[in-house]
Amino acid sequence: MEYSTLQGKIIIPEYGRNVQRMVEYALTIEDKAQRERCVEAIMQTMCNLFPYLRDEAQRHKMYDHLAIMSDFRLDIDFPYERPEPEELRYHPQHLTYASSPVRMKHYGRMVEQMIQVAIRQTDPEKREALTLLIANRMKRNYLLCNKDLIDDQVIVDDLRLLSDNRLTVDLQKLAKAKNLFPQNSEQNKKKDKKKKNNK
């Protein structure tokens, strides 16, 4: 008995070892017409394994897979543009992640970026509206991380600290905690209605 681990690597595992052996056999056929008939039979087997490949729009994928399984050595008339080996070796560019630390992690990096936008805002009305929006977002983020109620003064102090004393907000304008989570407030209204109906 021969273990599958000793039989070599399967290039596209979804099709299995038998389809790969068929492709390897097709490579040994010298007559081009006979080789193309063999490839049609292989493609029929691939369609049986994956019926959605019968669709004309998906058919080019089978030819691409045949080329890959044959290590791009299969000499047939490809009806579609043949993929190049270099395309498979392409690696996407490495993503650069922000390396600067977040000053207050419970508020998040996005809040810090919003604060910088508000600082650059020249229109006083827009700046005030944006600052209030940021303060409410800070309060919401804080409550998401910490289930205890928060003193609004903490939010005002943290906003001053994160903006280097360039932004401040009126305590009276901050939203109530229950209004920061609209879904919860809807659920609370339904619960209140049930309680009233039960009484």
C-alpha atoms as a PDB file:
ATOM      1  CA  MET A   1       0.000   0.000   0.000  1.00  0.00           C
ATOM      2  CA  GLU A   2       1.299   3.435  -0.954  1.00  0.00           C
ATOM      3  CA  TYR A   3       0.516   6.380   1.318  1.00  0.00           C
ATOM      4  CA  SER A   4      -0.908   9.467  -0.387  1.00  0.00           C
ATOM      5  CA  THR A   5       1.793  11.576   1.264  1.00  0.00           C
ATOM      6  CA  LEU A   6       4.374   9.641  -0.775  1.00  0.00           C
ATOM      7  CA  GLN A   7       2.561  10.160  -4.094  1.00  0.00           C
ATOM      8  CA  GLY A   8       3.620  13.768  -4.588  1.00  0.00           C
ATOM      9  CA  LYS A   9       1.876  17.082  -4.129  1.00  0.00           C
ATOM     10  CA  ILE A  10      -1.572  17.704  -5.612  1.00  0.00           C
ATOM     11  CA  ILE A  11      -1.383  21.051  -7.381  1.00  0.00           C
ATOM     12  CA  ILE A  12      -5.113  21.879  -7.108  1.00  0.00           C
ATOM     13  CA  PRO A  13      -6.453  19.661  -4.304  1.00  0.00           C
ATOM     14  CA  GLU A  14     -10.127  20.391  -5.097  1.00  0.00           C
ATOM     15  CA  TYR A  15      -9.944  18.189  -8.210  1.00  0.00           C
ATOM     16  CA  GLY A  16      -8.142  15.347  -6.481  1.00  0.00           C
ATOM     17  CA  ARG A  17      -5.244  13.118  -7.441  1.00  0.00           C
ATOM     18  CA  ASN A  18      -7.068  11.271 -10.252  1.00  0.00           C
ATOM     19  CA  VAL A  19      -7.712  14.434 -12.285  1.00  0.00           C
ATOM     20  CA  GLN A  20      -4.083  15.421 -11.817  1.00  0.00           C
ATOM     21  CA  ARG A  21      -2.986  11.990 -13.071  1.00  0.00           C
ATOM     22  CA  MET A  22      -5.224  12.475 -16.114  1.00  0.00           C
ATOM     23  CA  VAL A  23      -3.521  15.813 -16.821  1.00  0.00           C
ATOM     24  CA  GLU A  24      -0.100  14.178 -16.417  1.00  0.00           C
ATOM     25  CA  TYR A  25      -1.202  11.462 -18.863  1.00  0.00           C
ATOM     26  CA  ALA A  26      -2.348  14.140 -21.355  1.00  0.00           C
ATOM     27  CA  LEU A  27       1.167  15.596 -21.255  1.00  0.00           C
ATOM     28  CA  THR A  28       2.579  12.276 -22.495  1.00  0.00           C
ATOM     29  CA  ILE A  29       0.334  12.148 -25.596  1.00  0.00           C
ATOM     30  CA  GLU A  30       2.344  13.200 -28.650  1.00  0.00           C
ATOM     31  CA  ASP A  31      -0.483  13.598 -31.172  1.00  0.00           C
ATOM     32  CA  LYS A  32      -2.054  17.037 -30.667  1.00  0.00           C
ATOM     33  CA  ALA A  33      -5.556  16.058 -31.862  1.00  0.00           C
ATOM     34  CA  GLN A  34      -5.609  13.054 -29.545  1.00  0.00           C
ATOM     35  CA  ARG A  35      -4.256  15.216 -26.702  1.00  0.00           C
ATOM     36  CA  GLU A  36      -7.065  17.732 -27.214  1.00  0.00           C
ATOM     37  CA  ARG A  37      -9.665  14.917 -27.139  1.00  0.00           C
ATOM     38  CA  CYS A  38      -8.096  13.739 -23.871  1.00  0.00           C
ATOM     39  CA  VAL A  39      -8.298  17.285 -22.472  1.00  0.00           C
ATOM     40  CA  GLU A  40     -12.016  17.445 -23.379  1.00  0.00           C
ATOM     41  CA  ALA A  41     -12.571  14.224 -21.428  1.00  0.00           C
ATOM     42  CA  ILE A  42     -10.656  15.698 -18.467  1.00  0.00           C
ATOM     43  CA  MET A  43     -12.774  18.838 -18.648  1.00  0.00           C
ATOM     44  CA  GLN A  44     -15.937  16.712 -18.643  1.00  0.00           C
ATOM     45  CA  THR A  45     -14.696  15.038 -15.446  1.00  0.00           C
ATOM     46  CA  MET A  46     -13.973  18.463 -13.918  1.00  0.00           C
ATOM     47  CA  CYS A  47     -17.518  19.568 -14.833  1.00  0.00           C
ATOM     48  CA  ASN A  48     -18.933  16.495 -13.121  1.00  0.00           C
ATOM     49  CA  LEU A  49     -17.023  17.414  -9.967  1.00  0.00           C
ATOM     50  CA  PHE A  50     -18.028  21.086 -10.145  1.00  0.00           C
ATOM     51  CA  PRO A  51     -21.267  21.497 -12.174  1.00  0.00           C
ATOM     52  CA  TYR A  52     -21.166  25.318 -12.027  1.00  0.00           C
ATOM     53  CA  LEU A  53     -18.103  25.173 -14.320  1.00  0.00           C
ATOM     54  CA  ARG A  54     -20.398  24.061 -17.174  1.00  0.00           C
ATOM     55  CA  ASP A  55     -21.482  27.683 -17.505  1.00  0.00           C
ATOM     56  CA  GLU A  56     -19.788  29.381 -20.445  1.00  0.00           C
ATOM     57  CA  ALA A  57     -18.780  32.337 -18.263  1.00  0.00           C
ATOM     58  CA  GLN A  58     -16.911  29.953 -15.907  1.00  0.00           C
ATOM     59  CA  ARG A  59     -15.360  27.764 -18.623  1.00  0.00           C
ATOM     60  CA  HIS A  60     -12.155  29.811 -18.835  1.00  0.00           C
ATOM     61  CA  LYS A  61     -11.432  28.857 -15.208  1.00  0.00           C
ATOM     62  CA  MET A  62     -11.161  25.195 -16.191  1.00  0.00           C
ATOM     63  CA  TYR A  63      -8.597  26.050 -18.859  1.00  0.00           C
ATOM     64  CA  ASP A  64      -6.676  28.106 -16.316  1.00  0.00           C
ATOM     65  CA  HIS A  65      -6.747  25.183 -13.874  1.00  0.00           C
ATOM     66  CA  LEU A  66      -5.591  22.770 -16.588  1.00  0.00           C
ATOM     67  CA  ALA A  67      -2.650  25.031 -17.391  1.00  0.00           C
ATOM     68  CA  ILE A  68      -1.730  25.269 -13.699  1.00  0.00           C
ATOM     69  CA  MET A  69      -2.034  21.502 -13.108  1.00  0.00           C
ATOM     70  CA  SER A  70       0.178  20.826 -16.135  1.00  0.00           C
ATOM     71  CA  ASP A  71       2.764  23.327 -14.867  1.00  0.00           C
ATOM     72  CA  PHE A  72       1.998  25.386 -18.011  1.00  0.00           C
ATOM     73  CA  ARG A  73       3.379  22.606 -20.265  1.00  0.00           C
ATOM     74  CA  LEU A  74       0.079  21.512 -21.818  1.00  0.00           C
ATOM     75  CA  ASP A  75       0.263  22.175 -25.567  1.00  0.00           C
ATOM     76  CA  ILE A  76      -3.313  22.642 -26.774  1.00  0.00           C
ATOM     77  CA  ASP A  77      -5.195  25.435 -28.501  1.00  0.00           C
ATOM     78  CA  PHE A  78      -6.531  27.412 -25.561  1.00  0.00           C
ATOM     79  CA  PRO A  79      -9.785  29.200 -26.515  1.00  0.00           C
ATOM     80  CA  TYR A  80      -9.070  31.807 -23.830  1.00  0.00           C
ATOM     81  CA  GLU A  81      -6.001  33.796 -22.929  1.00  0.00           C
ATOM     82  CA  ARG A  82      -3.574  31.460 -21.258  1.00  0.00           C
ATOM     83  CA  PRO A  83      -2.407  32.476 -17.758  1.00  0.00           C
ATOM     84  CA  GLU A  84       1.273  33.155 -17.270  1.00  0.00           C
ATOM     85  CA  PRO A  85       3.293  31.556 -14.433  1.00  0.00           C
ATOM     86  CA  GLU A  86       4.366  35.032 -13.289  1.00  0.00           C
ATOM     87  CA  GLU A  87       0.743  35.856 -12.454  1.00  0.00           C
ATOM     88  CA  LEU A  88       0.730  33.105  -9.825  1.00  0.00           C
ATOM     89  CA  ARG A  89       3.939  34.346  -8.265  1.00  0.00           C
ATOM     90  CA  TYR A  90       2.528  37.847  -7.792  1.00  0.00           C
ATOM     91  CA  HIS A  91       2.269  38.925  -4.166  1.00  0.00           C
ATOM     92  CA  PRO A  92       0.190  41.962  -3.183  1.00  0.00           C
ATOM     93  CA  GLN A  93       1.927  44.941  -1.641  1.00  0.00           C
ATOM     94  CA  HIS A  94       2.442  44.778   2.077  1.00  0.00           C
ATOM     95  CA  LEU A  95      -0.149  46.827   3.960  1.00  0.00           C
ATOM     96  CA  THR A  96       1.250  49.478   6.211  1.00  0.00           C
ATOM     97  CA  TYR A  97      -0.438  49.656   9.566  1.00  0.00           C
ATOM     98  CA  ALA A  98      -0.486  52.677  11.820  1.00  0.00           C
ATOM     99  CA  SER A  99       2.439  52.308  14.182  1.00  0.00           C
ATOM    100  CA  SER A 100       1.732  55.292  16.415  1.00  0.00           C
ATOM    101  CA  PRO A 101       0.210  54.271  19.760  1.00  0.00           C
ATOM    102  CA  VAL A 102      -3.378  55.176  20.642  1.00  0.00           C
ATOM    103  CA  ARG A 103      -3.339  57.518  23.616  1.00  0.00           C
ATOM    104  CA  MET A 104      -6.609  56.277  25.100  1.00  0.00           C
ATOM    105  CA  LYS A 105      -7.439  52.864  23.695  1.00  0.00           C
ATOM    106  CA  HIS A 106     -11.024  52.784  24.952  1.00  0.00           C
ATOM    107  CA  TYR A 107     -11.847  55.698  22.611  1.00  0.00           C
ATOM    108  CA  GLY A 108      -9.952  54.294  19.632  1.00  0.00           C
ATOM    109  CA  ARG A 109      -7.755  55.698  16.878  1.00  0.00           C
ATOM    110  CA  MET A 110     -10.728  56.966  14.867  1.00  0.00           C
ATOM    111  CA  VAL A 111     -11.699  59.392  17.645  1.00  0.00           C
ATOM    112  CA  GLU A 112      -8.144  60.768  17.691  1.00  0.00           C
ATOM    113  CA  GLN A 113      -8.306  61.307  13.929  1.00  0.00           C
ATOM    114  CA  MET A 114     -11.697  63.009  14.259  1.00  0.00           C
ATOM    115  CA  ILE A 115     -10.232  65.327  16.908  1.00  0.00           C
ATOM    116  CA  GLN A 116      -7.467  66.366  14.515  1.00  0.00           C
ATOM    117  CA  VAL A 117     -10.074  67.148  11.842  1.00  0.00           C
ATOM    118  CA  ALA A 118     -12.068  69.249  14.330  1.00  0.00           C
ATOM    119  CA  ILE A 119      -8.938  71.156  15.364  1.00  0.00           C
ATOM    120  CA  ARG A 120      -8.278  72.065  11.700  1.00  0.00           C
ATOM    121  CA  GLN A 121     -11.899  73.214  11.177  1.00  0.00           C
ATOM    122  CA  THR A 122     -11.997  77.007  10.709  1.00  0.00           C
ATOM    123  CA  ASP A 123     -15.777  77.546  10.721  1.00  0.00           C
ATOM    124  CA  PRO A 124     -16.758  77.994  14.428  1.00  0.00           C
ATOM    125  CA  GLU A 125     -20.255  76.489  14.021  1.00  0.00           C
ATOM    126  CA  LYS A 126     -18.997  73.406  12.196  1.00  0.00           C
ATOM    127  CA  ARG A 127     -16.179  73.054  14.711  1.00  0.00           C
ATOM    128  CA  GLU A 128     -18.611  73.162  17.631  1.00  0.00           C
ATOM    129  CA  ALA A 129     -20.978  70.640  15.987  1.00  0.00           C
ATOM    130  CA  LEU A 130     -18.080  68.306  15.187  1.00  0.00           C
ATOM    131  CA  THR A 131     -16.718  68.619  18.724  1.00  0.00           C
ATOM    132  CA  LEU A 132     -20.114  67.659  20.177  1.00  0.00           C
ATOM    133  CA  LEU A 133     -20.297  64.710  17.795  1.00  0.00           C
ATOM    134  CA  ILE A 134     -16.827  63.569  18.904  1.00  0.00           C
ATOM    135  CA  ALA A 135     -17.691  63.969  22.601  1.00  0.00           C
ATOM    136  CA  ASN A 136     -20.825  61.837  22.171  1.00  0.00           C
ATOM    137  CA  ARG A 137     -18.794  59.230  20.257  1.00  0.00           C
ATOM    138  CA  MET A 138     -16.252  59.208  23.097  1.00  0.00           C
ATOM    139  CA  LYS A 139     -19.028  58.694  25.628  1.00  0.00           C
ATOM    140  CA  ARG A 140     -20.506  55.862  23.552  1.00  0.00           C
ATOM    141  CA  ASN A 141     -17.115  54.158  23.126  1.00  0.00           C
ATOM    142  CA  TYR A 142     -16.444  54.501  26.841  1.00  0.00           C
ATOM    143  CA  LEU A 143     -19.768  52.856  27.685  1.00  0.00           C
ATOM    144  CA  LEU A 144     -19.077  50.032  25.231  1.00  0.00           C
ATOM    145  CA  CYS A 145     -15.824  49.243  27.077  1.00  0.00           C
ATOM    146  CA  ASN A 146     -17.093  49.967  30.569  1.00  0.00           C
ATOM    147  CA  LYS A 147     -20.669  49.162  31.564  1.00  0.00           C
ATOM    148  CA  ASP A 148     -20.603  51.570  34.528  1.00  0.00           C
ATOM    149  CA  LEU A 149     -22.180  54.984  34.057  1.00  0.00           C
ATOM    150  CA  ILE A 150     -19.696  57.704  33.299  1.00  0.00           C
ATOM    151  CA  ASP A 151     -19.473  61.213  34.678  1.00  0.00           C
ATOM    152  CA  ASP A 152     -19.732  63.583  31.704  1.00  0.00           C
ATOM    153  CA  GLN A 153     -16.910  65.658  33.181  1.00  0.00           C
ATOM    154  CA  VAL A 154     -14.549  62.736  32.424  1.00  0.00           C
ATOM    155  CA  ILE A 155     -15.456  62.999  28.730  1.00  0.00           C
ATOM    156  CA  VAL A 156     -14.861  66.771  28.716  1.00  0.00           C
ATOM    157  CA  ASP A 157     -11.498  66.346  30.462  1.00  0.00           C
ATOM    158  CA  ASP A 158     -10.412  63.547  28.114  1.00  0.00           C
ATOM    159  CA  LEU A 159     -11.439  65.608  25.084  1.00  0.00           C
ATOM    160  CA  ARG A 160      -9.310  68.517  26.329  1.00  0.00           C
ATOM    161  CA  LEU A 161      -6.393  66.166  26.954  1.00  0.00           C
ATOM    162  CA  LEU A 162      -6.593  64.488  23.512  1.00  0.00           C
ATOM    163  CA  SER A 163      -6.922  67.853  21.733  1.00  0.00           C
ATOM    164  CA  ASP A 164      -4.146  69.521  23.775  1.00  0.00           C
ATOM    165  CA  ASN A 165      -6.691  71.993  25.270  1.00  0.00           C
ATOM    166  CA  ARG A 166      -7.919  73.115  21.828  1.00  0.00           C
ATOM    167  CA  LEU A 167     -11.408  71.555  21.992  1.00  0.00           C
ATOM    168  CA  THR A 168     -14.036  71.681  24.712  1.00  0.00           C
ATOM    169  CA  VAL A 169     -17.734  70.918  24.916  1.00  0.00           C
ATOM    170  CA  ASP A 170     -20.611  72.112  27.095  1.00  0.00           C
ATOM    171  CA  LEU A 171     -21.624  69.459  29.639  1.00  0.00           C
ATOM    172  CA  GLN A 172     -25.319  70.226  29.145  1.00  0.00           C
ATOM    173  CA  LYS A 173     -25.158  69.408  25.425  1.00  0.00           C
ATOM    174  CA  LEU A 174     -23.812  65.870  25.841  1.00  0.00           C
ATOM    175  CA  ALA A 175     -26.322  63.148  24.981  1.00  0.00           C
ATOM    176  CA  LYS A 176     -27.800  60.943  27.691  1.00  0.00           C
ATOM    177  CA  ALA A 177     -26.351  57.439  27.840  1.00  0.00           C
ATOM    178  CA  LYS A 178     -29.644  55.778  26.835  1.00  0.00           C
ATOM    179  CA  ASN A 179     -29.846  57.960  23.687  1.00  0.00           C
ATOM    180  CA  LEU A 180     -26.419  56.821  22.494  1.00  0.00           C
ATOM    181  CA  PHE A 181     -27.737  53.301  21.860  1.00  0.00           C
ATOM    182  CA  PRO A 182     -30.934  53.637  19.792  1.00  0.00           C
ATOM    183  CA  GLN A 183     -31.610  49.878  19.668  1.00  0.00           C
ATOM    184  CA  ASN A 184     -31.477  49.641  23.437  1.00  0.00           C
ATOM    185  CA  SER A 185     -33.793  52.622  23.824  1.00  0.00           C
ATOM    186  CA  GLU A 186     -36.327  50.969  21.457  1.00  0.00           C
ATOM    187  CA  GLN A 187     -36.106  47.752  23.468  1.00  0.00           C
ATOM    188  CA  ASN A 188     -36.570  49.722  26.686  1.00  0.00           C
ATOM    189  CA  LYS A 189     -39.693  51.409  25.259  1.00  0.00           C
ATOM    190  CA  LYS A 190     -41.143  47.989  24.390  1.00  0.00           C
ATOM    191  CA  LYS A 191     -40.367  46.713  27.894  1.00  0.00           C
ATOM    192  CA  ASP A 192     -42.016  49.792  29.414  1.00  0.00           C
ATOM    193  CA  LYS A 193     -45.142  49.206  27.295  1.00  0.00           C
ATOM    194  CA  LYS A 194     -45.298  45.556  28.415  1.00  0.00           C
ATOM    195  CA  LYS A 195     -44.961  46.601  32.048  1.00  0.00           C
ATOM    196  CA  LYS A 196     -47.799  49.123  31.669  1.00  0.00           C
ATOM    197  CA  ASN A 197     -50.011  46.554  29.932  1.00  0.00           C
ATOM    198  CA  ASN A 198     -49.331  43.973  32.645  1.00  0.00           C
ATOM    199  CA  LYS A 199     -50.397  46.438  35.351  1.00  0.00           C
END
